[in-house]
N, C-alpha and C. Protein backbone atom coordinates (compact mmCIF):
# COMPACT_ATOMS: atom_id res chain seq x y z
N ARG A 1 30.78 9.02 20.09
CA ARG A 1 30.29 9.96 19.09
C ARG A 1 29.02 9.44 18.43
N ARG A 2 28.99 8.17 18.10
CA ARG A 2 27.82 7.59 17.44
C ARG A 2 26.59 7.70 18.35
N GLU A 3 26.78 7.42 19.64
CA GLU A 3 25.66 7.50 20.58
C GLU A 3 25.15 8.93 20.69
N THR A 4 26.05 9.89 20.66
CA THR A 4 25.65 11.30 20.72
C THR A 4 24.85 11.68 19.48
N ASP A 5 25.28 11.19 18.31
CA ASP A 5 24.54 11.46 17.08
C ASP A 5 23.14 10.84 17.13
N GLU A 6 23.04 9.63 17.65
CA GLU A 6 21.74 8.97 17.76
C GLU A 6 20.83 9.74 18.72
N GLU A 7 21.39 10.20 19.82
CA GLU A 7 20.60 10.99 20.77
C GLU A 7 20.12 12.29 20.14
N ALA A 8 21.00 12.93 19.39
CA ALA A 8 20.62 14.17 18.71
C ALA A 8 19.52 13.91 17.68
N ASN A 9 19.62 12.80 16.96
CA ASN A 9 18.57 12.45 15.99
C ASN A 9 17.25 12.17 16.70
N ASP A 10 17.31 11.51 17.84
CA ASP A 10 16.09 11.23 18.60
C ASP A 10 15.43 12.51 19.09
N VAL A 11 16.24 13.45 19.56
CA VAL A 11 15.70 14.73 20.02
C VAL A 11 15.08 15.48 18.84
N GLN A 12 15.76 15.47 17.70
CA GLN A 12 15.22 16.14 16.51
C GLN A 12 13.90 15.51 16.08
N ASP A 13 13.85 14.17 16.07
CA ASP A 13 12.60 13.49 15.71
C ASP A 13 11.49 13.83 16.70
N ALA A 14 11.81 13.86 17.99
CA ALA A 14 10.81 14.18 19.00
C ALA A 14 10.26 15.59 18.79
N LEU A 15 11.14 16.53 18.51
CA LEU A 15 10.71 17.91 18.25
C LEU A 15 9.83 17.98 17.00
N ASN A 16 10.22 17.23 15.96
CA ASN A 16 9.41 17.20 14.74
C ASN A 16 8.03 16.61 15.01
N LEU A 17 7.97 15.52 15.77
CA LEU A 17 6.69 14.90 16.08
C LEU A 17 5.79 15.87 16.85
N ARG A 18 6.36 16.55 17.83
CA ARG A 18 5.58 17.52 18.61
C ARG A 18 5.07 18.65 17.73
N ARG A 19 5.96 19.18 16.89
CA ARG A 19 5.61 20.29 16.01
C ARG A 19 4.50 19.88 15.05
N LEU A 20 4.65 18.71 14.43
CA LEU A 20 3.67 18.25 13.45
C LEU A 20 2.32 17.92 14.10
N ALA A 21 2.35 17.34 15.29
CA ALA A 21 1.09 17.06 16.00
C ALA A 21 0.36 18.36 16.30
N SER A 22 1.11 19.36 16.73
CA SER A 22 0.52 20.65 17.04
C SER A 22 -0.01 21.35 15.77
N MET A 23 0.79 21.31 14.71
CA MET A 23 0.38 21.93 13.45
C MET A 23 -0.90 21.29 12.91
N GLY A 24 -0.95 19.96 12.97
CA GLY A 24 -2.13 19.25 12.47
C GLY A 24 -3.39 19.62 13.24
N ALA A 25 -3.28 19.66 14.57
CA ALA A 25 -4.42 20.00 15.40
C ALA A 25 -4.85 21.46 15.19
N ASP A 26 -3.89 22.36 15.12
CA ASP A 26 -4.21 23.78 14.90
C ASP A 26 -4.89 24.00 13.56
N ALA A 27 -4.37 23.36 12.53
CA ALA A 27 -4.96 23.51 11.20
C ALA A 27 -6.37 22.93 11.16
N LEU A 28 -6.56 21.80 11.80
CA LEU A 28 -7.88 21.19 11.83
C LEU A 28 -8.88 22.09 12.54
N SER A 29 -8.48 22.67 13.65
CA SER A 29 -9.40 23.53 14.40
C SER A 29 -9.78 24.78 13.60
N SER A 30 -8.93 25.14 12.64
CA SER A 30 -9.23 26.28 11.75
C SER A 30 -9.85 25.82 10.43
N ARG A 31 -10.15 24.53 10.34
CA ARG A 31 -10.74 23.92 9.13
C ARG A 31 -9.86 24.09 7.90
N ARG A 32 -8.57 24.11 8.12
CA ARG A 32 -7.62 24.12 7.01
C ARG A 32 -7.22 22.66 6.78
N TYR A 33 -8.10 21.95 6.09
CA TYR A 33 -7.97 20.51 5.96
C TYR A 33 -6.70 20.09 5.22
N ALA A 34 -6.33 20.82 4.20
CA ALA A 34 -5.12 20.46 3.45
C ALA A 34 -3.88 20.59 4.33
N ASP A 35 -3.78 21.67 5.08
CA ASP A 35 -2.64 21.85 5.98
C ASP A 35 -2.60 20.77 7.05
N SER A 36 -3.76 20.44 7.58
CA SER A 36 -3.84 19.40 8.60
C SER A 36 -3.44 18.05 8.02
N ALA A 37 -3.92 17.74 6.82
CA ALA A 37 -3.58 16.47 6.17
C ALA A 37 -2.08 16.37 5.90
N MET A 38 -1.46 17.48 5.49
CA MET A 38 -0.01 17.46 5.26
C MET A 38 0.74 17.20 6.56
N ALA A 39 0.28 17.79 7.66
CA ALA A 39 0.93 17.57 8.95
C ALA A 39 0.77 16.11 9.39
N VAL A 40 -0.42 15.54 9.18
CA VAL A 40 -0.65 14.13 9.52
C VAL A 40 0.27 13.24 8.69
N ARG A 41 0.33 13.51 7.39
CA ARG A 41 1.19 12.72 6.50
C ARG A 41 2.65 12.82 6.94
N ASP A 42 3.10 14.03 7.21
CA ASP A 42 4.50 14.22 7.58
C ASP A 42 4.82 13.59 8.93
N TYR A 43 3.88 13.64 9.86
CA TYR A 43 4.06 12.98 11.16
C TYR A 43 4.28 11.48 10.94
N ASN A 44 3.44 10.90 10.08
CA ASN A 44 3.54 9.47 9.81
C ASN A 44 4.86 9.10 9.13
N ARG A 45 5.47 10.03 8.47
CA ARG A 45 6.74 9.77 7.76
C ARG A 45 7.98 9.89 8.64
N VAL A 46 7.82 10.46 9.83
CA VAL A 46 8.96 10.57 10.74
C VAL A 46 9.30 9.17 11.23
N ASN A 47 10.51 8.75 10.97
CA ASN A 47 10.94 7.40 11.32
C ASN A 47 11.65 7.43 12.67
N ALA A 48 10.89 7.74 13.71
CA ALA A 48 11.46 7.91 15.04
C ALA A 48 11.69 6.56 15.71
N THR A 49 12.74 6.50 16.49
CA THR A 49 13.00 5.32 17.31
C THR A 49 12.05 5.34 18.50
N ALA A 50 12.06 4.26 19.27
CA ALA A 50 11.23 4.21 20.47
C ALA A 50 11.61 5.34 21.42
N ARG A 51 12.91 5.62 21.52
CA ARG A 51 13.37 6.71 22.39
C ARG A 51 12.87 8.05 21.87
N GLY A 52 12.91 8.25 20.56
CA GLY A 52 12.41 9.50 19.99
C GLY A 52 10.93 9.69 20.26
N LYS A 53 10.15 8.61 20.14
CA LYS A 53 8.71 8.69 20.43
C LYS A 53 8.46 8.97 21.90
N THR A 54 9.29 8.36 22.77
CA THR A 54 9.15 8.60 24.20
C THR A 54 9.45 10.06 24.52
N LEU A 55 10.50 10.60 23.90
CA LEU A 55 10.84 12.00 24.11
C LEU A 55 9.74 12.94 23.63
N ALA A 56 9.06 12.56 22.55
CA ALA A 56 7.96 13.39 22.03
C ALA A 56 6.80 13.41 23.02
N GLY A 57 6.62 12.32 23.73
CA GLY A 57 5.58 12.26 24.76
C GLY A 57 4.27 11.69 24.25
N ASP A 58 3.50 11.20 25.20
CA ASP A 58 2.19 10.62 24.88
C ASP A 58 1.25 11.65 24.29
N PHE A 59 1.38 12.90 24.72
CA PHE A 59 0.48 13.94 24.22
C PHE A 59 0.61 14.11 22.71
N ALA A 60 1.84 14.08 22.21
CA ALA A 60 2.05 14.24 20.75
C ALA A 60 1.36 13.10 20.01
N GLN A 61 1.54 11.88 20.48
CA GLN A 61 0.93 10.72 19.83
C GLN A 61 -0.59 10.78 19.90
N SER A 62 -1.13 11.07 21.08
CA SER A 62 -2.59 11.10 21.22
C SER A 62 -3.20 12.27 20.43
N SER A 63 -2.51 13.38 20.40
CA SER A 63 -2.98 14.52 19.61
C SER A 63 -2.99 14.18 18.13
N HIS A 64 -1.93 13.54 17.67
CA HIS A 64 -1.85 13.12 16.27
C HIS A 64 -2.98 12.15 15.93
N GLU A 65 -3.19 11.15 16.76
CA GLU A 65 -4.22 10.15 16.49
C GLU A 65 -5.62 10.78 16.48
N ARG A 66 -5.88 11.68 17.40
CA ARG A 66 -7.17 12.37 17.45
C ARG A 66 -7.36 13.23 16.20
N THR A 67 -6.33 13.99 15.83
CA THR A 67 -6.41 14.82 14.63
C THR A 67 -6.65 13.96 13.40
N ARG A 68 -5.90 12.89 13.28
CA ARG A 68 -6.02 12.00 12.12
C ARG A 68 -7.43 11.43 12.03
N SER A 69 -7.97 10.98 13.14
CA SER A 69 -9.30 10.38 13.16
C SER A 69 -10.38 11.39 12.78
N VAL A 70 -10.36 12.54 13.41
CA VAL A 70 -11.37 13.58 13.14
C VAL A 70 -11.24 14.08 11.71
N LEU A 71 -10.01 14.27 11.26
CA LEU A 71 -9.78 14.76 9.90
C LEU A 71 -10.25 13.76 8.86
N ARG A 72 -9.94 12.49 9.07
CA ARG A 72 -10.39 11.46 8.13
C ARG A 72 -11.92 11.48 8.00
N GLN A 73 -12.60 11.57 9.12
CA GLN A 73 -14.06 11.59 9.08
C GLN A 73 -14.57 12.84 8.38
N ALA A 74 -14.00 13.99 8.69
CA ALA A 74 -14.45 15.24 8.07
C ALA A 74 -14.22 15.23 6.57
N VAL A 75 -13.06 14.76 6.15
CA VAL A 75 -12.75 14.72 4.72
C VAL A 75 -13.67 13.74 4.00
N LEU A 76 -13.88 12.57 4.59
CA LEU A 76 -14.78 11.60 3.96
C LEU A 76 -16.20 12.14 3.84
N GLU A 77 -16.68 12.79 4.89
CA GLU A 77 -18.04 13.35 4.84
C GLU A 77 -18.15 14.42 3.76
N ARG A 78 -17.16 15.30 3.70
CA ARG A 78 -17.18 16.36 2.68
C ARG A 78 -17.04 15.76 1.28
N TYR A 79 -16.19 14.74 1.15
CA TYR A 79 -16.00 14.10 -0.15
C TYR A 79 -17.29 13.43 -0.60
N GLU A 80 -17.94 12.73 0.31
CA GLU A 80 -19.18 12.06 -0.04
C GLU A 80 -20.25 13.07 -0.43
N THR A 81 -20.32 14.18 0.28
CA THR A 81 -21.26 15.24 -0.08
C THR A 81 -20.95 15.79 -1.46
N SER A 82 -19.67 15.99 -1.75
CA SER A 82 -19.28 16.50 -3.07
C SER A 82 -19.64 15.50 -4.16
N VAL A 83 -19.46 14.21 -3.88
CA VAL A 83 -19.84 13.17 -4.84
C VAL A 83 -21.34 13.20 -5.08
N THR A 84 -22.10 13.25 -3.99
CA THR A 84 -23.56 13.21 -4.08
C THR A 84 -24.11 14.40 -4.83
N THR A 85 -23.54 15.56 -4.60
CA THR A 85 -24.05 16.79 -5.24
C THR A 85 -23.37 17.10 -6.57
N GLY A 86 -22.37 16.32 -6.93
CA GLY A 86 -21.65 16.59 -8.18
C GLY A 86 -20.81 17.85 -8.11
N ASP A 87 -20.31 18.16 -6.93
CA ASP A 87 -19.50 19.36 -6.70
C ASP A 87 -18.06 19.10 -7.16
N ILE A 88 -17.77 19.48 -8.39
CA ILE A 88 -16.45 19.24 -8.97
C ILE A 88 -15.36 20.01 -8.21
N ALA A 89 -15.66 21.23 -7.81
CA ALA A 89 -14.66 22.01 -7.06
C ALA A 89 -14.33 21.32 -5.74
N GLY A 90 -15.35 20.83 -5.05
CA GLY A 90 -15.12 20.11 -3.80
C GLY A 90 -14.31 18.85 -4.01
N LEU A 91 -14.64 18.11 -5.07
CA LEU A 91 -13.87 16.89 -5.38
C LEU A 91 -12.42 17.23 -5.68
N SER A 92 -12.22 18.30 -6.42
CA SER A 92 -10.85 18.71 -6.77
C SER A 92 -10.05 19.12 -5.54
N GLU A 93 -10.71 19.76 -4.60
CA GLU A 93 -10.05 20.19 -3.37
C GLU A 93 -9.71 19.01 -2.46
N LEU A 94 -10.63 18.07 -2.37
CA LEU A 94 -10.50 16.99 -1.40
C LEU A 94 -9.73 15.77 -1.90
N THR A 95 -9.74 15.52 -3.20
CA THR A 95 -9.10 14.31 -3.73
C THR A 95 -7.63 14.19 -3.33
N PRO A 96 -6.82 15.25 -3.40
CA PRO A 96 -5.41 15.10 -3.00
C PRO A 96 -5.22 14.72 -1.53
N LEU A 97 -6.21 15.04 -0.70
CA LEU A 97 -6.10 14.75 0.73
C LEU A 97 -6.28 13.27 1.03
N LEU A 98 -6.98 12.58 0.15
CA LEU A 98 -7.29 11.17 0.40
C LEU A 98 -6.03 10.33 0.60
N SER A 99 -5.04 10.51 -0.26
CA SER A 99 -3.83 9.70 -0.13
C SER A 99 -3.03 10.08 1.11
N MET A 100 -3.08 11.33 1.51
CA MET A 100 -2.37 11.75 2.72
C MET A 100 -2.95 11.10 3.97
N LEU A 101 -4.23 10.71 3.88
CA LEU A 101 -4.94 10.16 5.03
C LEU A 101 -5.24 8.67 4.87
N ASP A 102 -4.59 8.04 3.89
CA ASP A 102 -4.79 6.61 3.62
C ASP A 102 -6.25 6.28 3.34
N LEU A 103 -6.89 7.12 2.55
CA LEU A 103 -8.30 6.94 2.21
C LEU A 103 -8.51 6.73 0.71
N GLU A 104 -7.46 6.32 0.01
CA GLU A 104 -7.56 6.19 -1.44
C GLU A 104 -8.67 5.23 -1.85
N THR A 105 -8.74 4.06 -1.21
CA THR A 105 -9.72 3.05 -1.59
C THR A 105 -11.14 3.57 -1.41
N LYS A 106 -11.39 4.20 -0.29
CA LYS A 106 -12.73 4.75 -0.03
C LYS A 106 -13.04 5.86 -1.03
N GLY A 107 -12.05 6.67 -1.36
CA GLY A 107 -12.24 7.72 -2.34
C GLY A 107 -12.59 7.17 -3.71
N VAL A 108 -11.91 6.11 -4.11
CA VAL A 108 -12.20 5.48 -5.41
C VAL A 108 -13.62 4.94 -5.42
N GLU A 109 -14.02 4.28 -4.33
CA GLU A 109 -15.39 3.75 -4.24
C GLU A 109 -16.42 4.88 -4.41
N LEU A 110 -16.20 5.98 -3.70
CA LEU A 110 -17.14 7.10 -3.78
C LEU A 110 -17.13 7.74 -5.16
N TYR A 111 -15.95 7.86 -5.75
CA TYR A 111 -15.87 8.47 -7.08
C TYR A 111 -16.54 7.59 -8.13
N LEU A 112 -16.38 6.28 -8.01
CA LEU A 112 -17.07 5.38 -8.94
C LEU A 112 -18.58 5.52 -8.80
N LYS A 113 -19.04 5.68 -7.57
CA LYS A 113 -20.46 5.90 -7.32
C LYS A 113 -20.91 7.18 -8.03
N TYR A 114 -20.06 8.21 -7.95
CA TYR A 114 -20.38 9.49 -8.60
C TYR A 114 -20.45 9.32 -10.13
N THR A 115 -19.46 8.66 -10.71
CA THR A 115 -19.46 8.51 -12.17
C THR A 115 -20.62 7.64 -12.63
N GLN A 116 -20.97 6.63 -11.86
CA GLN A 116 -22.12 5.80 -12.22
C GLN A 116 -23.41 6.61 -12.20
N SER A 117 -23.56 7.45 -11.19
CA SER A 117 -24.77 8.27 -11.12
C SER A 117 -24.81 9.30 -12.23
N THR A 118 -23.65 9.82 -12.61
CA THR A 118 -23.59 10.80 -13.70
C THR A 118 -23.96 10.14 -15.03
N VAL A 119 -23.42 8.95 -15.26
CA VAL A 119 -23.73 8.23 -16.50
C VAL A 119 -25.20 7.86 -16.53
N SER A 120 -25.72 7.40 -15.42
CA SER A 120 -27.14 7.03 -15.35
C SER A 120 -28.04 8.23 -15.61
N ALA A 121 -27.67 9.39 -15.08
CA ALA A 121 -28.46 10.59 -15.26
C ALA A 121 -28.47 11.06 -16.72
N GLN A 122 -27.38 10.78 -17.43
CA GLN A 122 -27.27 11.22 -18.82
C GLN A 122 -27.98 10.28 -19.77
N MET A 123 -28.32 9.10 -19.32
CA MET A 123 -28.97 8.12 -20.20
C MET A 123 -30.43 8.30 -20.23
């Protein structure tokens, strides 16, 4: 019974990984960055065993990695542009995505750059 439960959990994890990899890629291709970031975050949170990852297949993993890489670059570029132009709406939209993509440190660096330029401009 225990082995059957483990197999069922592995199949469920594999299906989740496939679904999330697909959702992330689809959202990214539609430039729905928040939806894509949530799918990337959720994919990373699936605690699949080696068997579960094997069942999901190499395509799910490679699709996830490609989506994550492209999305991280797109979000960083947009965030940096928002910082440079002082686009508060853009910063508000993109800031929550940073933690989902493990970009908090880079976001803080860019935001500090923004606040320094704002303070300098006001002086």
